[in-house]
């Protein structure tokens, strides 16, 4: 089990926050990313889902 002291929980939370910010930045509603389509947002979204699943399985 990961304890708070070794930083595993904090590092996981920071990783999820960074991935969510990347997901928001890759959405095609922004003018600079409108021509990208949904590819980058889908890729980052998939990574977020994988990280969340791994975090949930690792904590159980």
C-alpha atoms as a PDB file:
ATOM      1  CA  UNK A   1       0.000   0.000   0.000  1.00  0.00           C
ATOM      2  CA  UNK A   2       1.313   3.425  -0.896  1.00  0.00           C
ATOM      3  CA  UNK A   3       1.695   5.765   2.013  1.00  0.00           C
ATOM      4  CA  UNK A   4       1.427   9.518   1.873  1.00  0.00           C
ATOM      5  CA  UNK A   5       4.995   9.840   3.087  1.00  0.00           C
ATOM      6  CA  UNK A   6       6.659   8.317   0.016  1.00  0.00           C
ATOM      7  CA  UNK A   7       4.865  10.730  -2.319  1.00  0.00           C
ATOM      8  CA  UNK A   8       3.025   8.164  -4.442  1.00  0.00           C
ATOM      9  CA  UNK A   9      -0.381   9.668  -3.823  1.00  0.00           C
ATOM     10  CA  UNK A  10       0.817  13.227  -4.396  1.00  0.00           C
ATOM     11  CA  UNK A  11       2.618  12.294  -7.606  1.00  0.00           C
ATOM     12  CA  UNK A  12      -0.485  10.504  -8.889  1.00  0.00           C
ATOM     13  CA  UNK A  13      -2.702  13.484  -8.115  1.00  0.00           C
ATOM     14  CA  UNK A  14      -0.312  15.870  -9.858  1.00  0.00           C
ATOM     15  CA  UNK A  15      -0.200  13.559 -12.894  1.00  0.00           C
ATOM     16  CA  UNK A  16      -3.999  13.459 -13.143  1.00  0.00           C
ATOM     17  CA  UNK A  17      -4.237  17.259 -12.829  1.00  0.00           C
ATOM     18  CA  UNK A  18      -1.621  17.789 -15.552  1.00  0.00           C
ATOM     19  CA  UNK A  19      -3.389  15.332 -17.854  1.00  0.00           C
ATOM     20  CA  UNK A  20      -6.737  17.054 -17.298  1.00  0.00           C
ATOM     21  CA  UNK A  21      -5.194  20.431 -18.168  1.00  0.00           C
ATOM     22  CA  UNK A  22      -3.732  18.899 -21.342  1.00  0.00           C
ATOM     23  CA  UNK A  23      -7.144  17.449 -22.182  1.00  0.00           C
ATOM     24  CA  UNK A  24      -8.825  20.844 -21.818  1.00  0.00           C
ATOM     25  CA  UNK A  25      -6.109  22.488 -23.926  1.00  0.00           C
ATOM     26  CA  UNK A  26      -6.515  19.912 -26.691  1.00  0.00           C
ATOM     27  CA  UNK A  27     -10.260  20.351 -27.087  1.00  0.00           C
ATOM     28  CA  UNK A  28     -11.130  21.711 -30.541  1.00  0.00           C
ATOM     29  CA  UNK A  29     -13.174  24.602 -29.136  1.00  0.00           C
ATOM     30  CA  UNK A  30     -10.036  26.740 -28.810  1.00  0.00           C
ATOM     31  CA  UNK A  31      -9.070  28.738 -31.890  1.00  0.00           C
ATOM     32  CA  UNK A  32      -5.516  27.405 -32.125  1.00  0.00           C
ATOM     33  CA  UNK A  33      -6.629  23.757 -31.921  1.00  0.00           C
ATOM     34  CA  UNK A  34      -9.770  23.925 -34.039  1.00  0.00           C
ATOM     35  CA  UNK A  35      -8.102  22.303 -37.066  1.00  0.00           C
ATOM     36  CA  UNK A  36      -6.732  19.398 -35.008  1.00  0.00           C
ATOM     37  CA  UNK A  37     -10.083  17.641 -34.655  1.00  0.00           C
ATOM     38  CA  UNK A  38     -10.764  15.316 -31.742  1.00  0.00           C
ATOM     39  CA  UNK A  39      -7.598  13.212 -32.122  1.00  0.00           C
ATOM     40  CA  UNK A  40      -5.396  14.906 -29.503  1.00  0.00           C
ATOM     41  CA  UNK A  41      -8.250  15.237 -27.008  1.00  0.00           C
ATOM     42  CA  UNK A  42      -9.156  11.587 -27.504  1.00  0.00           C
ATOM     43  CA  UNK A  43      -5.563  10.502 -26.994  1.00  0.00           C
ATOM     44  CA  UNK A  44      -5.125  12.519 -23.816  1.00  0.00           C
ATOM     45  CA  UNK A  45      -8.555  11.363 -22.618  1.00  0.00           C
ATOM     46  CA  UNK A  46      -7.506   7.747 -23.105  1.00  0.00           C
ATOM     47  CA  UNK A  47      -4.343   8.359 -21.084  1.00  0.00           C
ATOM     48  CA  UNK A  48      -6.419   9.971 -18.296  1.00  0.00           C
ATOM     49  CA  UNK A  49      -8.746   6.954 -18.196  1.00  0.00           C
ATOM     50  CA  UNK A  50      -5.797   4.531 -18.052  1.00  0.00           C
ATOM     51  CA  UNK A  51      -4.109   6.494 -15.248  1.00  0.00           C
ATOM     52  CA  UNK A  52      -7.344   6.667 -13.224  1.00  0.00           C
ATOM     53  CA  UNK A  53      -7.944   2.920 -13.647  1.00  0.00           C
ATOM     54  CA  UNK A  54      -4.365   2.130 -12.613  1.00  0.00           C
ATOM     55  CA  UNK A  55      -4.698   4.439  -9.598  1.00  0.00           C
ATOM     56  CA  UNK A  56      -7.928   2.745  -8.524  1.00  0.00           C
ATOM     57  CA  UNK A  57      -6.518  -0.752  -8.981  1.00  0.00           C
ATOM     58  CA  UNK A  58      -3.326   0.180  -7.167  1.00  0.00           C
ATOM     59  CA  UNK A  59      -5.140   1.545  -4.123  1.00  0.00           C
ATOM     60  CA  UNK A  60      -7.301  -1.539  -3.568  1.00  0.00           C
END
